[in-house]
Amino acid sequence: MPHTASRHLAEGPRVGVRHFTYEDGAEFTARVRESKDLHHPWLFPPDSAQAYAAYAARLIEDPTKAGFLVCERDGGAIAGYVNINNIVGGGFLSGALGYGAFAHAAGRGLMREGLGLVVRYAFGPLRLHRLEINVQPGNAASIALARACGFRLEGFSPKMLYIDGAWRDHQRWAITAESVTSG
């Protein structure tokens, strides 16, 4: 089913971003299966209907999470996704970003445009102040995307996240609302 612009929360020249729905499962999991080589060893998104349903439920129903699909405006194909996890209110107003491109969209600049839209949405309607991305040091494509979208390297966290059977080191990249509005 094509995705219409009216469903987009924000739009750029080539992509729009919108929330996950349960109905996106078939396309999302097919894209994940097509992208296994691109994602390994960095990402392990859901690749079955059951896994997608549980994943989408967390993003749709948990107020500390917000999930966004990056969709091509021409035809509506899902190009990737950006999730804001661990959303904290109060004096912190922060969230942690995770994202992934799908193989058919990799290297085309669609995720850069989509991540930029999500960042502006997070600092606008979501009223967050800070976003952080944690990236394994060897993931050059993810680091390049963070840098291209204005995130700054803030530090290094040894053995931060358990991924693919081991505790992995991560670089911490962050951006604040002021750097987006003043930059």
C-alpha atoms as a PDB file:
ATOM      1  CA  MET A   1       0.000   0.000   0.000  1.00  0.00           C
ATOM      2  CA  PRO A   2       1.539   3.356  -0.959  1.00  0.00           C
ATOM      3  CA  HIS A   3       2.060   5.778   1.862  1.00  0.00           C
ATOM      4  CA  THR A   4       0.549   9.182   1.285  1.00  0.00           C
ATOM      5  CA  ALA A   5       2.103  12.483   2.260  1.00  0.00           C
ATOM      6  CA  SER A   6      -0.803  13.137   4.609  1.00  0.00           C
ATOM      7  CA  ARG A   7       0.535  10.370   6.870  1.00  0.00           C
ATOM      8  CA  HIS A   8       3.952  12.027   7.172  1.00  0.00           C
ATOM      9  CA  LEU A   9       4.837  13.952  10.325  1.00  0.00           C
ATOM     10  CA  ALA A  10       7.568  15.799   8.437  1.00  0.00           C
ATOM     11  CA  GLU A  11       8.734  15.877   4.832  1.00  0.00           C
ATOM     12  CA  GLY A  12      11.878  16.686   2.945  1.00  0.00           C
ATOM     13  CA  PRO A  13      12.492  16.770  -0.800  1.00  0.00           C
ATOM     14  CA  ARG A  14      12.867  12.970  -1.122  1.00  0.00           C
ATOM     15  CA  VAL A  15      11.548  11.393   2.091  1.00  0.00           C
ATOM     16  CA  GLY A  16       8.863  11.750   4.698  1.00  0.00           C
ATOM     17  CA  VAL A  17       8.854  10.372   8.223  1.00  0.00           C
ATOM     18  CA  ARG A  18       5.896   8.806   9.954  1.00  0.00           C
ATOM     19  CA  HIS A  19       5.218   6.614  12.946  1.00  0.00           C
ATOM     20  CA  PHE A  20       5.410   2.825  12.813  1.00  0.00           C
ATOM     21  CA  THR A  21       2.125   0.950  12.412  1.00  0.00           C
ATOM     22  CA  TYR A  22       1.350  -2.719  12.874  1.00  0.00           C
ATOM     23  CA  GLU A  23       0.405  -2.848   9.188  1.00  0.00           C
ATOM     24  CA  ASP A  24       4.019  -2.072   8.178  1.00  0.00           C
ATOM     25  CA  GLY A  25       5.198  -5.498   9.340  1.00  0.00           C
ATOM     26  CA  ALA A  26       5.300  -7.322   5.999  1.00  0.00           C
ATOM     27  CA  GLU A  27       7.277  -4.613   4.191  1.00  0.00           C
ATOM     28  CA  PHE A  28       9.549  -3.888   7.172  1.00  0.00           C
ATOM     29  CA  THR A  29      10.519  -7.524   7.731  1.00  0.00           C
ATOM     30  CA  ALA A  30      11.053  -8.113   3.995  1.00  0.00           C
ATOM     31  CA  ARG A  31      13.407  -5.091   3.921  1.00  0.00           C
ATOM     32  CA  VAL A  32      15.230  -6.429   7.004  1.00  0.00           C
ATOM     33  CA  ARG A  33      15.765  -9.824   5.361  1.00  0.00           C
ATOM     34  CA  GLU A  34      17.055  -8.110   2.169  1.00  0.00           C
ATOM     35  CA  SER A  35      19.461  -6.042   4.297  1.00  0.00           C
ATOM     36  CA  LYS A  36      21.066  -8.750   6.486  1.00  0.00           C
ATOM     37  CA  ASP A  37      24.528  -8.259   4.972  1.00  0.00           C
ATOM     38  CA  LEU A  38      24.316  -4.479   5.354  1.00  0.00           C
ATOM     39  CA  HIS A  39      23.200  -4.697   8.990  1.00  0.00           C
ATOM     40  CA  HIS A  40      25.565  -7.403  10.269  1.00  0.00           C
ATOM     41  CA  PRO A  41      27.294  -7.100  12.739  1.00  0.00           C
ATOM     42  CA  TRP A  42      25.777  -3.781  13.852  1.00  0.00           C
ATOM     43  CA  LEU A  43      21.992  -4.209  13.824  1.00  0.00           C
ATOM     44  CA  PHE A  44      19.489  -6.989  14.376  1.00  0.00           C
ATOM     45  CA  PRO A  45      16.042  -5.549  13.598  1.00  0.00           C
ATOM     46  CA  PRO A  46      13.031  -7.891  13.614  1.00  0.00           C
ATOM     47  CA  ASP A  47      12.810 -10.160  10.584  1.00  0.00           C
ATOM     48  CA  SER A  48       9.620 -12.126  11.318  1.00  0.00           C
ATOM     49  CA  ALA A  49       5.984 -11.127  11.755  1.00  0.00           C
ATOM     50  CA  GLN A  50       5.991 -12.120  15.432  1.00  0.00           C
ATOM     51  CA  ALA A  51       9.216 -10.243  16.203  1.00  0.00           C
ATOM     52  CA  TYR A  52       7.974  -7.169  14.315  1.00  0.00           C
ATOM     53  CA  ALA A  53       4.665  -7.156  16.228  1.00  0.00           C
ATOM     54  CA  ALA A  54       6.515  -7.112  19.572  1.00  0.00           C
ATOM     55  CA  TYR A  55       8.995  -4.475  18.326  1.00  0.00           C
ATOM     56  CA  ALA A  56       6.278  -2.225  16.909  1.00  0.00           C
ATOM     57  CA  ALA A  57       4.200  -2.582  20.086  1.00  0.00           C
ATOM     58  CA  ARG A  58       7.064  -1.181  22.166  1.00  0.00           C
ATOM     59  CA  LEU A  59       7.490   1.771  19.807  1.00  0.00           C
ATOM     60  CA  ILE A  60       3.760   2.466  19.524  1.00  0.00           C
ATOM     61  CA  GLU A  61       2.646   1.900  23.113  1.00  0.00           C
ATOM     62  CA  ASP A  62       5.624   2.845  25.326  1.00  0.00           C
ATOM     63  CA  PRO A  63       5.699   6.614  26.052  1.00  0.00           C
ATOM     64  CA  THR A  64       9.486   6.450  26.557  1.00  0.00           C
ATOM     65  CA  LYS A  65       9.948   5.477  22.900  1.00  0.00           C
ATOM     66  CA  ALA A  66       9.063   6.989  19.531  1.00  0.00           C
ATOM     67  CA  GLY A  67       9.593   5.092  16.294  1.00  0.00           C
ATOM     68  CA  PHE A  68       9.746   6.676  12.852  1.00  0.00           C
ATOM     69  CA  LEU A  69       9.812   5.115   9.412  1.00  0.00           C
ATOM     70  CA  VAL A  70      11.768   6.969   6.744  1.00  0.00           C
ATOM     71  CA  CYS A  71       9.698   6.589   3.559  1.00  0.00           C
ATOM     72  CA  GLU A  72      10.530   7.594   0.028  1.00  0.00           C
ATOM     73  CA  ARG A  73       8.111  10.255  -1.156  1.00  0.00           C
ATOM     74  CA  ASP A  74       8.137   8.734  -4.634  1.00  0.00           C
ATOM     75  CA  GLY A  75       6.150   5.525  -4.086  1.00  0.00           C
ATOM     76  CA  GLY A  76       6.302   5.353  -0.288  1.00  0.00           C
ATOM     77  CA  ALA A  77       8.848   2.531   0.073  1.00  0.00           C
ATOM     78  CA  ILE A  78      10.343   2.240   3.555  1.00  0.00           C
ATOM     79  CA  ALA A  79      13.986   3.329   3.230  1.00  0.00           C
ATOM     80  CA  GLY A  80      14.912   2.929   6.898  1.00  0.00           C
ATOM     81  CA  TYR A  81      13.920   3.768  10.438  1.00  0.00           C
ATOM     82  CA  VAL A  82      14.890   6.042  13.318  1.00  0.00           C
ATOM     83  CA  ASN A  83      13.871   5.288  16.892  1.00  0.00           C
ATOM     84  CA  ILE A  84      14.105   7.546  19.913  1.00  0.00           C
ATOM     85  CA  ASN A  85      14.507   5.369  22.999  1.00  0.00           C
ATOM     86  CA  ASN A  86      14.817   6.166  26.694  1.00  0.00           C
ATOM     87  CA  ILE A  87      12.905   9.433  26.385  1.00  0.00           C
ATOM     88  CA  VAL A  88      13.243  11.292  29.674  1.00  0.00           C
ATOM     89  CA  GLY A  89      11.259  14.392  30.611  1.00  0.00           C
ATOM     90  CA  GLY A  90      11.737  16.873  33.426  1.00  0.00           C
ATOM     91  CA  GLY A  91      15.045  18.685  33.532  1.00  0.00           C
ATOM     92  CA  PHE A  92      16.678  16.215  31.134  1.00  0.00           C
ATOM     93  CA  LEU A  93      14.364  16.269  28.035  1.00  0.00           C
ATOM     94  CA  SER A  94      16.550  13.751  26.262  1.00  0.00           C
ATOM     95  CA  GLY A  95      16.408  10.609  24.162  1.00  0.00           C
ATOM     96  CA  ALA A  96      18.753   8.019  22.649  1.00  0.00           C
ATOM     97  CA  LEU A  97      18.592   7.450  18.896  1.00  0.00           C
ATOM     98  CA  GLY A  98      18.939   4.217  17.008  1.00  0.00           C
ATOM     99  CA  TYR A  99      18.595   3.902  13.251  1.00  0.00           C
ATOM    100  CA  GLY A 100      19.092   1.712  10.242  1.00  0.00           C
ATOM    101  CA  ALA A 101      18.920   2.024   6.472  1.00  0.00           C
ATOM    102  CA  PHE A 102      17.638  -0.722   4.226  1.00  0.00           C
ATOM    103  CA  ALA A 103      19.866  -2.062   1.455  1.00  0.00           C
ATOM    104  CA  HIS A 104      17.895  -0.564  -1.448  1.00  0.00           C
ATOM    105  CA  ALA A 105      18.263   2.909   0.120  1.00  0.00           C
ATOM    106  CA  ALA A 106      21.842   2.720   1.428  1.00  0.00           C
ATOM    107  CA  GLY A 107      24.237   5.345   0.129  1.00  0.00           C
ATOM    108  CA  ARG A 108      21.518   7.485  -1.457  1.00  0.00           C
ATOM    109  CA  GLY A 109      21.307  10.191   1.235  1.00  0.00           C
ATOM    110  CA  LEU A 110      17.769   9.210   2.211  1.00  0.00           C
ATOM    111  CA  MET A 111      18.689   8.386   5.804  1.00  0.00           C
ATOM    112  CA  ARG A 112      20.545  11.679   6.181  1.00  0.00           C
ATOM    113  CA  GLU A 113      17.417  13.519   5.120  1.00  0.00           C
ATOM    114  CA  GLY A 114      15.206  11.303   7.295  1.00  0.00           C
ATOM    115  CA  LEU A 115      17.404  11.588  10.393  1.00  0.00           C
ATOM    116  CA  GLY A 116      17.428  15.367   9.964  1.00  0.00           C
ATOM    117  CA  LEU A 117      13.625  15.388   9.860  1.00  0.00           C
ATOM    118  CA  VAL A 118      13.411  13.255  13.025  1.00  0.00           C
ATOM    119  CA  VAL A 119      15.890  15.506  14.835  1.00  0.00           C
ATOM    120  CA  ARG A 120      13.843  18.598  13.984  1.00  0.00           C
ATOM    121  CA  TYR A 121      10.638  16.798  14.998  1.00  0.00           C
ATOM    122  CA  ALA A 122      12.225  15.751  18.316  1.00  0.00           C
ATOM    123  CA  PHE A 123      13.274  19.326  19.067  1.00  0.00           C
ATOM    124  CA  GLY A 124       9.953  20.722  17.854  1.00  0.00           C
ATOM    125  CA  PRO A 125       6.724  18.844  18.615  1.00  0.00           C
ATOM    126  CA  LEU A 126       8.365  16.380  21.034  1.00  0.00           C
ATOM    127  CA  ARG A 127      10.030  19.278  22.888  1.00  0.00           C
ATOM    128  CA  LEU A 128      13.251  17.396  23.613  1.00  0.00           C
ATOM    129  CA  HIS A 129      16.490  19.255  24.304  1.00  0.00           C
ATOM    130  CA  ARG A 130      19.168  16.626  23.646  1.00  0.00           C
ATOM    131  CA  LEU A 131      19.572  13.527  21.482  1.00  0.00           C
ATOM    132  CA  GLU A 132      22.360  10.986  21.751  1.00  0.00           C
ATOM    133  CA  ILE A 133      23.567   8.289  19.357  1.00  0.00           C
ATOM    134  CA  ASN A 134      25.747   5.423  20.568  1.00  0.00           C
ATOM    135  CA  VAL A 135      27.791   3.860  17.759  1.00  0.00           C
ATOM    136  CA  GLN A 136      30.310   1.046  17.658  1.00  0.00           C
ATOM    137  CA  PRO A 137      33.661   2.580  16.603  1.00  0.00           C
ATOM    138  CA  GLY A 138      33.983   0.340  13.536  1.00  0.00           C
ATOM    139  CA  ASN A 139      30.609   1.350  12.098  1.00  0.00           C
ATOM    140  CA  ALA A 140      31.926   3.977   9.691  1.00  0.00           C
ATOM    141  CA  ALA A 141      28.619   4.492   7.867  1.00  0.00           C
ATOM    142  CA  SER A 142      26.722   5.227  11.095  1.00  0.00           C
ATOM    143  CA  ILE A 143      29.432   7.578  12.339  1.00  0.00           C
ATOM    144  CA  ALA A 144      29.398   9.408   8.994  1.00  0.00           C
ATOM    145  CA  LEU A 145      25.607   9.791   9.238  1.00  0.00           C
ATOM    146  CA  ALA A 146      25.782  11.152  12.795  1.00  0.00           C
ATOM    147  CA  ARG A 147      28.513  13.623  11.796  1.00  0.00           C
ATOM    148  CA  ALA A 148      26.653  14.697   8.619  1.00  0.00           C
ATOM    149  CA  CYS A 149      23.536  15.475  10.695  1.00  0.00           C
ATOM    150  CA  GLY A 150      25.452  17.749  13.079  1.00  0.00           C
ATOM    151  CA  PHE A 151      26.060  15.383  15.997  1.00  0.00           C
ATOM    152  CA  ARG A 152      29.324  15.922  17.873  1.00  0.00           C
ATOM    153  CA  LEU A 153      31.548  13.245  19.373  1.00  0.00           C
ATOM    154  CA  GLU A 154      31.319  13.482  23.171  1.00  0.00           C
ATOM    155  CA  GLY A 155      33.067  10.392  24.422  1.00  0.00           C
ATOM    156  CA  PHE A 156      33.815   6.707  24.501  1.00  0.00           C
ATOM    157  CA  SER A 157      32.053   4.050  26.567  1.00  0.00           C
ATOM    158  CA  PRO A 158      33.871   0.715  26.852  1.00  0.00           C
ATOM    159  CA  LYS A 159      31.706  -2.416  26.815  1.00  0.00           C
ATOM    160  CA  MET A 160      28.521  -0.320  26.801  1.00  0.00           C
ATOM    161  CA  LEU A 161      25.957  -2.540  25.032  1.00  0.00           C
ATOM    162  CA  TYR A 162      25.521  -6.291  24.681  1.00  0.00           C
ATOM    163  CA  ILE A 163      25.268  -6.968  20.939  1.00  0.00           C
ATOM    164  CA  ASP A 164      25.729 -10.191  18.981  1.00  0.00           C
ATOM    165  CA  GLY A 165      26.969 -12.161  21.994  1.00  0.00           C
ATOM    166  CA  ALA A 166      29.472  -9.689  23.453  1.00  0.00           C
ATOM    167  CA  TRP A 167      29.743  -6.385  25.283  1.00  0.00           C
ATOM    168  CA  ARG A 168      30.666  -3.775  22.652  1.00  0.00           C
ATOM    169  CA  ASP A 169      32.479  -0.452  22.954  1.00  0.00           C
ATOM    170  CA  HIS A 170      30.587   2.616  21.708  1.00  0.00           C
ATOM    171  CA  GLN A 171      31.266   6.214  20.822  1.00  0.00           C
ATOM    172  CA  ARG A 172      28.746   8.740  22.156  1.00  0.00           C
ATOM    173  CA  TRP A 173      27.545  11.373  19.685  1.00  0.00           C
ATOM    174  CA  ALA A 174      25.082  14.090  20.714  1.00  0.00           C
ATOM    175  CA  ILE A 175      23.211  17.150  19.504  1.00  0.00           C
ATOM    176  CA  THR A 176      21.152  19.739  21.357  1.00  0.00           C
ATOM    177  CA  ALA A 177      18.243  21.877  20.256  1.00  0.00           C
ATOM    178  CA  GLU A 178      20.398  25.029  20.370  1.00  0.00           C
ATOM    179  CA  SER A 179      22.917  23.611  17.917  1.00  0.00           C
ATOM    180  CA  VAL A 180      20.141  22.889  15.414  1.00  0.00           C
ATOM    181  CA  THR A 181      18.418  26.257  15.735  1.00  0.00           C
ATOM    182  CA  SER A 182      21.682  28.239  15.759  1.00  0.00           C
ATOM    183  CA  GLY A 183      23.439  26.151  13.087  1.00  0.00           C
END
